[in-house]
Amino acid sequence: MSGDHHSTVSVVIPVKDDAALLRRCLDALGRQTRAADEIIVVDNNSRDDSAQVARAAGAAVVPCPAPGIPAASATGYDAASGSIVLRLDADCVPDATWIAALASVLDARPDVAVVTGSAHFIDGPRPLRRVAAAVYLGMYVATTAPALGHTPVFGSNLGFRRSAWEAVRGEVHLRADIHDDLDLAYHFGERHRIRRVRAAVMGMSMRPLSSARGFARRTEWAIRTVLMHWPADFPSVRWIRLALRRLLHRLGVPTPRGARS
């Protein structure tokens, strides 16, 4: 790692039965302009050779017997030793500057604890890729930002300080039928500043839109995640609480860690 970096980077990839796409993802991580200090592949009960693919690429493999992306991701975050944790999915192909783009913001901005980027589709009908990605991710931001009162996070292109994860670890939900990105955003956004990094370029599969059933399931997860945070995080209640918290922070008045009123 170059001497002008003062952080260490762990990359976490949850995977289940995605060996071929995982190999492609790990190949892209091997071409980064800033190399990860460790890559952790969380094997969520795969029946294919995902674990062998990960080990062959030099990644550490951590098993997670509990079902679902939330539990698998959390297992990876817990295992990470880097001061910065980056997350993407097995069907992703990061640009060569992805690690550098996210880590450099956290290195330069001590006031920012969480960074997130967008994505473009790299498969599916070519004429639809750009438009479909813009609509898919635009809808996600448009529907979740009002509920949160701040920028949401995108789990396929995400980075955060390990200290931020440790601060919310006991609050996040690990059940398989929720939207882990949205749940993380609720907890990270309570006290940590989230910044979107446009330079963090991520390619991803169009699989979320490949079937109406799959899209409906993700929508159901998102709705469930929002409702499970009510009434404490009902939009108007959350907006006022966050505004007061930010005001107190500017005035130098500390707020209790568990306060939600």
Protein backbone atom coordinates (compact mmCIF):
# COMPACT_ATOMS: atom_id res chain seq x y z
CA MET A 1 0.00 0.00 0.00
CA SER A 2 1.33 3.44 -0.91
CA GLY A 3 2.78 5.49 1.91
CA ASP A 4 0.32 8.37 1.37
CA HIS A 5 -2.59 6.16 2.47
CA HIS A 6 -3.24 6.15 6.18
CA SER A 7 -6.08 3.63 6.11
CA THR A 8 -6.41 -0.07 5.43
CA VAL A 9 -9.18 -1.43 3.23
CA SER A 10 -11.23 -4.60 3.57
CA VAL A 11 -13.58 -5.59 0.73
CA VAL A 12 -16.58 -7.75 1.64
CA ILE A 13 -18.51 -9.84 -0.88
CA PRO A 14 -21.50 -11.95 0.25
CA VAL A 15 -22.11 -14.86 -2.13
CA LYS A 16 -24.44 -17.79 -2.61
CA ASP A 17 -24.12 -20.08 -5.64
CA ASP A 18 -22.54 -17.44 -7.87
CA ALA A 19 -19.13 -18.91 -8.69
CA ALA A 20 -18.86 -17.68 -12.29
CA LEU A 21 -19.84 -14.10 -11.52
CA LEU A 22 -17.72 -14.11 -8.37
CA ARG A 23 -14.68 -15.04 -10.46
CA ARG A 24 -15.36 -12.07 -12.74
CA CYS A 25 -15.77 -9.76 -9.74
CA LEU A 26 -12.54 -10.94 -8.12
CA ASP A 27 -10.67 -10.50 -11.41
CA ALA A 28 -11.81 -6.86 -11.47
CA LEU A 29 -10.74 -6.36 -7.86
CA GLY A 30 -7.32 -7.70 -8.81
CA ARG A 31 -6.93 -4.84 -11.31
CA GLN A 32 -7.59 -1.98 -8.88
CA THR A 33 -5.30 1.05 -8.86
CA ARG A 34 -5.39 0.85 -5.08
CA ALA A 35 -5.31 -2.74 -3.92
CA ALA A 36 -7.44 -3.99 -1.04
CA ASP A 37 -5.56 -5.05 2.06
CA GLU A 38 -7.91 -8.00 2.33
CA ILE A 39 -10.86 -9.43 0.42
CA ILE A 40 -13.44 -11.37 2.40
CA VAL A 41 -15.93 -13.60 0.61
CA VAL A 42 -18.79 -14.65 2.85
CA ASP A 43 -20.08 -18.05 1.74
CA ASN A 44 -23.79 -18.14 2.53
CA ASN A 45 -24.30 -21.92 2.19
CA SER A 46 -23.28 -22.15 -1.46
CA ARG A 47 -23.74 -25.47 -3.17
CA ASP A 48 -21.42 -24.61 -6.07
CA ASP A 49 -17.67 -23.91 -6.00
CA SER A 50 -17.93 -20.25 -4.93
CA ALA A 51 -15.65 -20.86 -1.94
CA GLN A 52 -13.01 -22.55 -4.09
CA VAL A 53 -13.12 -19.68 -6.59
CA ALA A 54 -12.59 -17.20 -3.77
CA ARG A 55 -9.65 -19.08 -2.28
CA ALA A 56 -8.04 -19.48 -5.70
CA ALA A 57 -8.13 -15.70 -6.08
CA GLY A 58 -6.47 -15.19 -2.70
CA ALA A 59 -9.59 -14.09 -0.85
CA ALA A 60 -10.41 -15.15 2.68
CA VAL A 61 -13.57 -17.26 2.91
CA VAL A 62 -15.84 -16.82 5.93
CA PRO A 63 -18.85 -19.15 6.26
CA CYS A 64 -22.26 -17.81 7.26
CA PRO A 65 -24.86 -20.50 7.98
CA ALA A 66 -27.64 -18.00 8.70
CA PRO A 67 -29.71 -17.39 5.55
CA GLY A 68 -29.98 -14.07 3.77
CA ILE A 69 -27.92 -11.13 2.57
CA PRO A 70 -28.23 -9.10 5.83
CA ALA A 71 -26.66 -11.86 7.94
CA ALA A 72 -24.00 -12.68 5.34
CA SER A 73 -23.00 -9.04 4.94
CA ALA A 74 -22.83 -8.48 8.70
CA THR A 75 -20.65 -11.59 9.06
CA GLY A 76 -18.22 -10.07 6.57
CA TYR A 77 -18.21 -6.68 8.26
CA ASP A 78 -17.50 -8.35 11.60
CA ALA A 79 -14.59 -10.28 10.11
CA ALA A 80 -13.06 -7.23 8.40
CA SER A 81 -9.86 -5.90 9.95
CA GLY A 82 -9.44 -2.80 7.78
CA SER A 83 -10.19 0.69 9.06
CA ILE A 84 -12.34 1.08 5.92
CA VAL A 85 -14.83 -1.58 4.83
CA LEU A 86 -16.06 -1.67 1.23
CA ARG A 87 -18.98 -3.81 0.07
CA LEU A 88 -20.09 -5.02 -3.34
CA ASP A 89 -21.94 -8.07 -4.63
CA ALA A 90 -20.69 -11.09 -6.54
CA ASP A 91 -22.43 -9.97 -9.74
CA CYS A 92 -20.62 -6.61 -9.71
CA VAL A 93 -17.64 -5.46 -11.78
CA PRO A 94 -15.97 -2.42 -10.21
CA ASP A 95 -14.09 0.13 -12.28
CA ALA A 96 -10.32 -0.03 -11.75
CA THR A 97 -10.44 3.10 -9.58
CA TRP A 98 -13.37 1.98 -7.40
CA ILE A 99 -11.41 1.27 -4.20
CA ALA A 100 -9.35 4.43 -4.61
CA ALA A 101 -12.42 6.59 -5.25
CA LEU A 102 -14.28 5.51 -2.10
CA ALA A 103 -11.27 5.19 0.21
CA SER A 104 -9.81 8.55 -0.81
CA VAL A 105 -12.96 10.37 0.32
CA LEU A 106 -12.87 8.71 3.73
CA ASP A 107 -9.14 9.41 3.98
CA ALA A 108 -9.64 13.08 3.17
CA ARG A 109 -12.91 13.75 4.99
CA PRO A 110 -12.91 12.85 8.70
CA ASP A 111 -16.44 14.27 8.94
CA VAL A 112 -17.75 11.62 6.54
CA ALA A 113 -18.22 8.06 7.81
CA VAL A 114 -20.17 6.40 4.98
CA VAL A 115 -19.76 6.69 1.20
CA THR A 116 -21.86 5.21 -1.56
CA GLY A 117 -21.94 5.28 -5.34
CA SER A 118 -24.24 4.43 -8.20
CA ALA A 119 -24.05 1.72 -10.85
CA HIS A 120 -24.73 0.85 -14.47
CA PHE A 121 -25.92 -2.43 -15.93
CA ILE A 122 -23.37 -4.52 -17.80
CA ASP A 123 -25.69 -7.20 -19.15
CA GLY A 124 -29.19 -7.44 -20.54
CA PRO A 125 -30.39 -5.72 -23.74
CA ARG A 126 -27.72 -3.16 -24.60
CA PRO A 127 -30.10 -0.34 -25.65
CA LEU A 128 -31.88 -0.59 -22.27
CA ARG A 129 -28.90 -0.76 -19.93
CA ARG A 130 -28.32 2.93 -19.26
CA VAL A 131 -31.99 3.86 -19.08
CA ALA A 132 -32.94 0.85 -16.94
CA ALA A 133 -30.15 1.55 -14.44
CA ALA A 134 -31.12 5.21 -14.18
CA VAL A 135 -34.77 4.33 -13.58
CA TYR A 136 -34.04 1.50 -11.14
CA LEU A 137 -31.59 3.44 -8.99
CA GLY A 138 -33.47 6.70 -9.39
CA MET A 139 -36.62 5.08 -8.04
CA TYR A 140 -34.65 3.68 -5.10
CA VAL A 141 -33.32 7.12 -4.15
CA ALA A 142 -36.63 8.90 -4.78
CA THR A 143 -38.60 6.51 -2.57
CA THR A 144 -36.10 6.01 0.26
CA ALA A 145 -34.56 9.46 0.75
CA PRO A 146 -37.84 10.98 2.00
CA ALA A 147 -38.29 8.13 4.47
CA LEU A 148 -34.73 8.47 5.72
CA GLY A 149 -34.32 12.23 5.65
CA HIS A 150 -30.88 11.87 4.06
CA THR A 151 -28.96 10.11 1.29
CA PRO A 152 -29.62 6.33 1.14
CA VAL A 153 -26.83 3.81 0.65
CA PHE A 154 -26.48 1.31 -2.18
CA GLY A 155 -25.10 -2.02 -0.98
CA SER A 156 -23.49 -2.94 -4.29
CA ASN A 157 -21.32 0.19 -4.08
CA LEU A 158 -20.75 1.00 -0.44
CA GLY A 159 -17.96 1.98 1.92
CA PHE A 160 -17.78 2.96 5.58
CA ARG A 161 -15.41 3.30 8.49
CA ARG A 162 -15.19 0.16 10.58
CA SER A 163 -15.84 2.35 13.61
CA ALA A 164 -19.21 3.35 12.08
CA TRP A 165 -20.16 -0.32 11.69
CA GLU A 166 -19.15 -1.06 15.27
CA ALA A 167 -21.36 1.81 16.45
CA VAL A 168 -24.49 0.39 14.77
CA ARG A 169 -23.71 -3.35 14.90
CA GLY A 170 -26.10 -4.00 17.77
CA GLU A 171 -28.97 -2.16 16.08
CA VAL A 172 -29.08 -3.55 12.54
CA HIS A 173 -31.56 -6.27 11.64
CA LEU A 174 -30.28 -9.59 10.28
CA ARG A 175 -33.50 -11.25 9.17
CA ALA A 176 -33.49 -12.51 5.60
CA ASP A 177 -36.72 -10.84 4.47
CA ILE A 178 -35.61 -7.19 4.73
CA HIS A 179 -33.70 -4.77 2.52
CA ASP A 180 -30.23 -4.65 4.11
CA ASP A 181 -29.13 -1.49 2.26
CA LEU A 182 -32.13 0.43 3.57
CA ASP A 183 -31.78 -0.93 7.09
CA LEU A 184 -28.11 0.08 7.15
CA ALA A 185 -29.04 3.55 5.93
CA TYR A 186 -31.49 4.01 8.80
CA HIS A 187 -28.82 3.20 11.36
CA PHE A 188 -25.81 4.81 9.71
CA GLY A 189 -27.75 8.01 9.03
CA GLU A 190 -28.78 8.44 12.65
CA ARG A 191 -25.37 9.85 13.61
CA HIS A 192 -23.02 9.45 10.67
CA ARG A 193 -22.63 11.62 7.60
CA ILE A 194 -23.24 9.82 4.30
CA ARG A 195 -21.78 11.13 1.07
CA ARG A 196 -22.42 10.01 -2.49
CA VAL A 197 -19.25 9.59 -4.56
CA ARG A 198 -19.89 9.98 -8.27
CA ALA A 199 -16.38 8.84 -9.18
CA ALA A 200 -17.00 5.39 -7.67
CA VAL A 201 -18.05 3.52 -10.82
CA MET A 202 -19.70 0.11 -10.49
CA GLY A 203 -20.99 -2.29 -13.12
CA MET A 204 -23.70 -4.69 -12.01
CA SER A 205 -25.99 -7.35 -13.40
CA MET A 206 -29.52 -6.53 -14.51
CA ARG A 207 -30.75 -9.52 -12.51
CA PRO A 208 -32.85 -7.37 -10.11
CA LEU A 209 -35.07 -6.58 -13.10
CA SER A 210 -34.95 -10.01 -14.74
CA SER A 211 -38.33 -11.10 -13.39
CA ALA A 212 -41.45 -9.44 -12.04
CA ARG A 213 -41.38 -11.83 -9.08
CA GLY A 214 -37.84 -10.85 -8.12
CA PHE A 215 -38.59 -7.14 -8.38
CA ALA A 216 -41.78 -7.58 -6.34
CA ARG A 217 -39.84 -9.45 -3.65
CA ARG A 218 -37.30 -6.63 -3.35
CA THR A 219 -40.11 -4.10 -3.15
CA GLU A 220 -41.74 -6.13 -0.38
CA TRP A 221 -38.44 -6.22 1.52
CA ALA A 222 -38.10 -2.45 1.25
CA ILE A 223 -41.64 -1.80 2.50
CA ARG A 224 -41.13 -4.20 5.40
CA THR A 225 -37.86 -2.49 6.31
CA VAL A 226 -39.50 0.93 6.40
CA LEU A 227 -42.46 -0.24 8.47
CA MET A 228 -40.31 -2.08 11.01
CA HIS A 229 -38.60 1.22 11.84
CA TRP A 230 -41.89 2.95 12.64
CA PRO A 231 -43.04 4.71 14.80
CA ALA A 232 -39.57 5.82 15.99
CA ASP A 233 -38.52 6.55 12.41
CA PHE A 234 -41.81 7.76 10.99
CA PRO A 235 -40.63 10.36 8.44
CA SER A 236 -41.73 13.54 10.21
CA VAL A 237 -40.48 12.25 13.57
CA ARG A 238 -37.13 11.20 12.09
CA TRP A 239 -36.66 14.46 10.16
CA ILE A 240 -37.20 16.57 13.29
CA ARG A 241 -34.93 14.35 15.40
CA LEU A 242 -32.12 14.45 12.83
CA ALA A 243 -32.46 18.21 12.39
CA LEU A 244 -32.22 18.73 16.15
CA ARG A 245 -29.27 16.37 16.38
CA ARG A 246 -27.42 18.28 13.64
CA LEU A 247 -28.16 21.60 15.33
CA LEU A 248 -26.87 20.33 18.67
CA HIS A 249 -23.78 18.97 16.94
CA ARG A 250 -23.04 22.38 15.40
CA LEU A 251 -23.46 23.95 18.83
CA GLY A 252 -21.09 21.40 20.33
CA VAL A 253 -23.72 19.78 22.55
CA PRO A 254 -23.30 15.97 22.78
CA THR A 255 -26.34 13.72 22.37
CA PRO A 256 -26.74 10.32 24.08
CA ARG A 257 -25.92 7.41 21.77
CA GLY A 258 -29.26 5.72 22.28
CA ALA A 259 -31.41 8.84 22.11
CA ARG A 260 -34.18 8.69 19.49
CA SER A 261 -36.32 11.58 20.62
